[in-house]
């Protein structure tokens, strides 16, 4: 699923804006989607999940 998100935001300004504004979770514990992706990269023990989250971040930064 994360890899698909990366493909959706790659070089697509509207989708980039959407992910910047997207919150994950419910109030009062909602967090920005990009923070959640960074948290996955830094904290997961699943290498596949980490690689997929890294791909999303790479697509976002390009």
PDB file of N, CA and C in Angstrom:
ATOM      1  N   UNK A   1       0.820  -1.193   0.000  1.00  0.00           N
ATOM      2  CA  UNK A   1       0.000   0.000   0.000  1.00  0.00           C
ATOM      3  C   UNK A   1       0.867   1.262   0.000  1.00  0.00           C
ATOM      4  N   UNK A   2       1.947   1.251   0.783  1.00  0.00           N
ATOM      5  CA  UNK A   2       2.815   2.429   0.815  1.00  0.00           C
ATOM      6  C   UNK A   2       3.458   2.678  -0.541  1.00  0.00           C
ATOM      7  N   UNK A   3       3.845   1.610  -1.222  1.00  0.00           N
ATOM      8  CA  UNK A   3       4.453   1.765  -2.546  1.00  0.00           C
ATOM      9  C   UNK A   3       3.454   2.421  -3.510  1.00  0.00           C
ATOM     10  N   UNK A   4       2.194   2.037  -3.422  1.00  0.00           N
ATOM     11  CA  UNK A   4       1.157   2.645  -4.271  1.00  0.00           C
ATOM     12  C   UNK A   4       0.999   4.129  -3.959  1.00  0.00           C
ATOM     13  N   UNK A   5       1.090   4.501  -2.684  1.00  0.00           N
ATOM     14  CA  UNK A   5       1.017   5.917  -2.316  1.00  0.00           C
ATOM     15  C   UNK A   5       2.176   6.670  -2.944  1.00  0.00           C
ATOM     16  N   UNK A   6       3.366   6.085  -2.902  1.00  0.00           N
ATOM     17  CA  UNK A   6       4.523   6.713  -3.541  1.00  0.00           C
ATOM     18  C   UNK A   6       4.282   6.952  -5.017  1.00  0.00           C
ATOM     19  N   UNK A   7       3.734   5.943  -5.698  1.00  0.00           N
ATOM     20  CA  UNK A   7       3.440   6.094  -7.130  1.00  0.00           C
ATOM     21  C   UNK A   7       2.410   7.199  -7.378  1.00  0.00           C
ATOM     22  N   UNK A   8       1.440   7.326  -6.480  1.00  0.00           N
ATOM     23  CA  UNK A   8       0.390   8.335  -6.652  1.00  0.00           C
ATOM     24  C   UNK A   8       0.901   9.760  -6.460  1.00  0.00           C
ATOM     25  N   UNK A   9       1.896   9.941  -5.601  1.00  0.00           N
ATOM     26  CA  UNK A   9       2.371  11.307  -5.346  1.00  0.00           C
ATOM     27  C   UNK A   9       3.546  11.708  -6.225  1.00  0.00           C
ATOM     28  N   UNK A  10       4.168  10.743  -6.880  1.00  0.00           N
ATOM     29  CA  UNK A  10       5.338  11.045  -7.712  1.00  0.00           C
ATOM     30  C   UNK A  10       4.960  12.012  -8.831  1.00  0.00           C
ATOM     31  N   UNK A  11       5.568  13.185  -8.799  1.00  0.00           N
ATOM     32  CA  UNK A  11       5.379  14.207  -9.832  1.00  0.00           C
ATOM     33  C   UNK A  11       3.902  14.551 -10.072  1.00  0.00           C
ATOM     34  N   UNK A  12       3.120  14.577  -9.009  1.00  0.00           N
ATOM     35  CA  UNK A  12       1.702  14.923  -9.118  1.00  0.00           C
ATOM     36  C   UNK A  12       1.374  15.955  -8.034  1.00  0.00           C
ATOM     37  N   UNK A  13       1.425  17.240  -8.382  1.00  0.00           N
ATOM     38  CA  UNK A  13       1.284  18.312  -7.390  1.00  0.00           C
ATOM     39  C   UNK A  13       0.018  18.237  -6.529  1.00  0.00           C
ATOM     40  N   UNK A  14      -1.109  17.871  -7.118  1.00  0.00           N
ATOM     41  CA  UNK A  14      -2.347  17.806  -6.329  1.00  0.00           C
ATOM     42  C   UNK A  14      -2.269  16.714  -5.270  1.00  0.00           C
ATOM     43  N   UNK A  15      -1.714  15.570  -5.629  1.00  0.00           N
ATOM     44  CA  UNK A  15      -1.591  14.489  -4.659  1.00  0.00           C
ATOM     45  C   UNK A  15      -0.539  14.811  -3.599  1.00  0.00           C
ATOM     46  N   UNK A  16       0.516  15.532  -3.984  1.00  0.00           N
ATOM     47  CA  UNK A  16       1.511  15.975  -3.000  1.00  0.00           C
ATOM     48  C   UNK A  16       0.857  16.885  -1.965  1.00  0.00           C
ATOM     49  N   UNK A  17       0.043  17.822  -2.424  1.00  0.00           N
ATOM     50  CA  UNK A  17      -0.661  18.715  -1.502  1.00  0.00           C
ATOM     51  C   UNK A  17      -1.593  17.926  -0.587  1.00  0.00           C
ATOM     52  N   UNK A  18      -2.248  16.927  -1.138  1.00  0.00           N
ATOM     53  CA  UNK A  18      -3.181  16.131  -0.343  1.00  0.00           C
ATOM     54  C   UNK A  18      -2.464  15.380   0.771  1.00  0.00           C
ATOM     55  N   UNK A  19      -1.304  14.812   0.475  1.00  0.00           N
ATOM     56  CA  UNK A  19      -0.598  14.057   1.517  1.00  0.00           C
ATOM     57  C   UNK A  19      -0.029  14.991   2.584  1.00  0.00           C
ATOM     58  N   UNK A  20       0.314  16.207   2.200  1.00  0.00           N
ATOM     59  CA  UNK A  20       0.804  17.183   3.180  1.00  0.00           C
ATOM     60  C   UNK A  20      -0.307  17.531   4.174  1.00  0.00           C
ATOM     61  N   UNK A  21      -1.541  17.611   3.707  1.00  0.00           N
ATOM     62  CA  UNK A  21      -2.668  17.999   4.559  1.00  0.00           C
ATOM     63  C   UNK A  21      -3.325  16.825   5.286  1.00  0.00           C
ATOM     64  N   UNK A  22      -3.029  15.605   4.871  1.00  0.00           N
ATOM     65  CA  UNK A  22      -3.705  14.423   5.411  1.00  0.00           C
ATOM     66  C   UNK A  22      -3.270  14.130   6.839  1.00  0.00           C
ATOM     67  N   UNK A  23      -4.255  13.851   7.700  1.00  0.00           N
ATOM     68  CA  UNK A  23      -3.991  13.426   9.067  1.00  0.00           C
ATOM     69  C   UNK A  23      -4.337  11.951   9.199  1.00  0.00           C
ATOM     70  N   UNK A  24      -3.533  11.233   9.965  1.00  0.00           N
ATOM     71  CA  UNK A  24      -3.738   9.809  10.204  1.00  0.00           C
ATOM     72  C   UNK A  24      -4.199   9.633  11.647  1.00  0.00           C
ATOM     73  N   UNK A  25      -5.222   8.834  11.863  1.00  0.00           N
ATOM     74  CA  UNK A  25      -5.728   8.593  13.208  1.00  0.00           C
ATOM     75  C   UNK A  25      -6.881   9.517  13.541  1.00  0.00           C
ATOM     76  N   UNK A  26      -7.344   9.380  14.768  1.00  0.00           N
ATOM     77  CA  UNK A  26      -8.482  10.166  15.226  1.00  0.00           C
ATOM     78  C   UNK A  26      -8.022  11.175  16.265  1.00  0.00           C
ATOM     79  N   UNK A  27      -8.732  12.300  16.305  1.00  0.00           N
ATOM     80  CA  UNK A  27      -8.438  13.330  17.305  1.00  0.00           C
ATOM     81  C   UNK A  27      -8.631  12.729  18.689  1.00  0.00           C
ATOM     82  N   UNK A  28      -7.884  13.084  19.657  1.00  0.00           N
ATOM     83  CA  UNK A  28      -6.819  14.086  19.671  1.00  0.00           C
ATOM     84  C   UNK A  28      -5.448  13.503  19.329  1.00  0.00           C
ATOM     85  N   UNK A  29      -5.411  12.278  18.821  1.00  0.00           N
ATOM     86  CA  UNK A  29      -4.131  11.621  18.556  1.00  0.00           C
ATOM     87  C   UNK A  29      -3.759  11.598  17.080  1.00  0.00           C
ATOM     88  N   UNK A  30      -4.439  12.387  16.271  1.00  0.00           N
ATOM     89  CA  UNK A  30      -4.140  12.420  14.835  1.00  0.00           C
ATOM     90  C   UNK A  30      -2.750  13.005  14.613  1.00  0.00           C
ATOM     91  N   UNK A  31      -2.065  12.473  13.601  1.00  0.00           N
ATOM     92  CA  UNK A  31      -0.745  12.997  13.256  1.00  0.00           C
ATOM     93  C   UNK A  31      -0.670  13.180  11.743  1.00  0.00           C
ATOM     94  N   UNK A  32       0.137  14.138  11.285  1.00  0.00           N
ATOM     95  CA  UNK A  32       0.298  14.330   9.843  1.00  0.00           C
ATOM     96  C   UNK A  32       0.816  13.051   9.176  1.00  0.00           C
ATOM     97  N   UNK A  33       0.338  12.792   7.978  1.00  0.00           N
ATOM     98  CA  UNK A  33       0.717  11.575   7.254  1.00  0.00           C
ATOM     99  C   UNK A  33       2.227  11.464   7.070  1.00  0.00           C
ATOM    100  N   UNK A  34       2.889  12.573   6.759  1.00  0.00           N
ATOM    101  CA  UNK A  34       4.341  12.517   6.567  1.00  0.00           C
ATOM    102  C   UNK A  34       5.065  12.161   7.858  1.00  0.00           C
ATOM    103  N   UNK A  35       4.558  12.618   8.995  1.00  0.00           N
ATOM    104  CA  UNK A  35       5.149  12.211  10.276  1.00  0.00           C
ATOM    105  C   UNK A  35       4.996  10.711  10.477  1.00  0.00           C
ATOM    106  N   UNK A  36       3.828  10.181  10.124  1.00  0.00           N
ATOM    107  CA  UNK A  36       3.598   8.750  10.268  1.00  0.00           C
ATOM    108  C   UNK A  36       4.558   7.955   9.384  1.00  0.00           C
ATOM    109  N   UNK A  37       4.809   8.445   8.187  1.00  0.00           N
ATOM    110  CA  UNK A  37       5.736   7.764   7.277  1.00  0.00           C
ATOM    111  C   UNK A  37       7.152   7.800   7.841  1.00  0.00           C
ATOM    112  N   UNK A  38       7.567   8.946   8.362  1.00  0.00           N
ATOM    113  CA  UNK A  38       8.893   9.035   8.989  1.00  0.00           C
ATOM    114  C   UNK A  38       8.993   8.114  10.198  1.00  0.00           C
ATOM    115  N   UNK A  39       7.935   8.039  10.988  1.00  0.00           N
ATOM    116  CA  UNK A  39       7.932   7.148  12.148  1.00  0.00           C
ATOM    117  C   UNK A  39       8.105   5.695  11.714  1.00  0.00           C
ATOM    118  N   UNK A  40       7.454   5.308  10.638  1.00  0.00           N
ATOM    119  CA  UNK A  40       7.608   3.944  10.123  1.00  0.00           C
ATOM    120  C   UNK A  40       9.061   3.691   9.743  1.00  0.00           C
ATOM    121  N   UNK A  41       9.666   4.640   9.026  1.00  0.00           N
ATOM    122  CA  UNK A  41      11.061   4.475   8.598  1.00  0.00           C
ATOM    123  C   UNK A  41      11.974   4.299   9.800  1.00  0.00           C
ATOM    124  N   UNK A  42      11.756   5.093  10.833  1.00  0.00           N
ATOM    125  CA  UNK A  42      12.668   5.105  11.976  1.00  0.00           C
ATOM    126  C   UNK A  42      12.411   4.002  12.997  1.00  0.00           C
ATOM    127  N   UNK A  43      11.175   3.519  13.102  1.00  0.00           N
ATOM    128  CA  UNK A  43      10.846   2.637  14.216  1.00  0.00           C
ATOM    129  C   UNK A  43      10.464   1.210  13.850  1.00  0.00           C
ATOM    130  N   UNK A  44      10.128   0.936  12.619  1.00  0.00           N
ATOM    131  CA  UNK A  44       9.654  -0.410  12.297  1.00  0.00           C
ATOM    132  C   UNK A  44      10.798  -1.414  12.276  1.00  0.00           C
ATOM    133  N   UNK A  45      10.478  -2.624  12.645  1.00  0.00           N
ATOM    134  CA  UNK A  45      11.464  -3.698  12.548  1.00  0.00           C
ATOM    135  C   UNK A  45      11.255  -4.507  11.267  1.00  0.00           C
ATOM    136  N   UNK A  46      10.199  -4.187  10.523  1.00  0.00           N
ATOM    137  CA  UNK A  46       9.892  -4.875   9.268  1.00  0.00           C
ATOM    138  C   UNK A  46      10.610  -4.165   8.120  1.00  0.00           C
ATOM    139  N   UNK A  47      11.589  -4.821   7.537  1.00  0.00           N
ATOM    140  CA  UNK A  47      12.416  -4.206   6.495  1.00  0.00           C
ATOM    141  C   UNK A  47      11.592  -3.838   5.263  1.00  0.00           C
ATOM    142  N   UNK A  48      10.624  -4.661   4.891  1.00  0.00           N
ATOM    143  CA  UNK A  48       9.790  -4.362   3.718  1.00  0.00           C
ATOM    144  C   UNK A  48       8.963  -3.095   3.941  1.00  0.00           C
ATOM    145  N   UNK A  49       8.419  -2.953   5.146  1.00  0.00           N
ATOM    146  CA  UNK A  49       7.639  -1.763   5.465  1.00  0.00           C
ATOM    147  C   UNK A  49       8.529  -0.522   5.466  1.00  0.00           C
ATOM    148  N   UNK A  50       9.723  -0.659   5.980  1.00  0.00           N
ATOM    149  CA  UNK A  50      10.672   0.455   6.001  1.00  0.00           C
ATOM    150  C   UNK A  50      11.050   0.883   4.585  1.00  0.00           C
ATOM    151  N   UNK A  51      11.303  -0.075   3.713  1.00  0.00           N
ATOM    152  CA  UNK A  51      11.653   0.229   2.317  1.00  0.00           C
ATOM    153  C   UNK A  51      10.488   0.926   1.616  1.00  0.00           C
ATOM    154  N   UNK A  52       9.272   0.454   1.852  1.00  0.00           N
ATOM    155  CA  UNK A  52       8.097   1.060   1.222  1.00  0.00           C
ATOM    156  C   UNK A  52       7.881   2.491   1.722  1.00  0.00           C
ATOM    157  N   UNK A  53       8.047   2.716   3.017  1.00  0.00           N
ATOM    158  CA  UNK A  53       7.902   4.069   3.563  1.00  0.00           C
ATOM    159  C   UNK A  53       9.002   4.979   3.030  1.00  0.00           C
ATOM    160  N   UNK A  54      10.201   4.452   2.893  1.00  0.00           N
ATOM    161  CA  UNK A  54      11.309   5.218   2.327  1.00  0.00           C
ATOM    162  C   UNK A  54      10.999   5.618   0.884  1.00  0.00           C
ATOM    163  N   UNK A  55      10.368   4.732   0.136  1.00  0.00           N
ATOM    164  CA  UNK A  55       9.980   5.027  -1.244  1.00  0.00           C
ATOM    165  C   UNK A  55       8.981   6.189  -1.292  1.00  0.00           C
ATOM    166  N   UNK A  56       8.013   6.194  -0.371  1.00  0.00           N
ATOM    167  CA  UNK A  56       7.045   7.294  -0.320  1.00  0.00           C
ATOM    168  C   UNK A  56       7.769   8.605  -0.056  1.00  0.00           C
ATOM    169  N   UNK A  57       8.677   8.608   0.895  1.00  0.00           N
ATOM    170  CA  UNK A  57       9.427   9.824   1.212  1.00  0.00           C
ATOM    171  C   UNK A  57      10.267  10.276   0.023  1.00  0.00           C
ATOM    172  N   UNK A  58      10.887   9.327  -0.670  1.00  0.00           N
ATOM    173  CA  UNK A  58      11.682   9.656  -1.862  1.00  0.00           C
ATOM    174  C   UNK A  58      10.799  10.299  -2.935  1.00  0.00           C
ATOM    175  N   UNK A  59       9.635   9.725  -3.180  1.00  0.00           N
ATOM    176  CA  UNK A  59       8.713  10.285  -4.178  1.00  0.00           C
ATOM    177  C   UNK A  59       8.247  11.675  -3.766  1.00  0.00           C
ATOM    178  N   UNK A  60       8.036  11.872  -2.480  1.00  0.00           N
ATOM    179  CA  UNK A  60       7.606  13.176  -1.991  1.00  0.00           C
ATOM    180  C   UNK A  60       8.689  14.231  -2.218  1.00  0.00           C
ATOM    181  N   UNK A  61       9.928  13.863  -1.998  1.00  0.00           N
ATOM    182  CA  UNK A  61      11.037  14.826  -2.082  1.00  0.00           C
ATOM    183  C   UNK A  61      11.472  15.132  -3.512  1.00  0.00           C
ATOM    184  N   UNK A  62      11.145  14.290  -4.453  1.00  0.00           N
ATOM    185  CA  UNK A  62      11.603  14.516  -5.832  1.00  0.00           C
ATOM    186  C   UNK A  62      10.807  15.558  -6.546  1.00  0.00           C
TER     187      UNK A  62
END
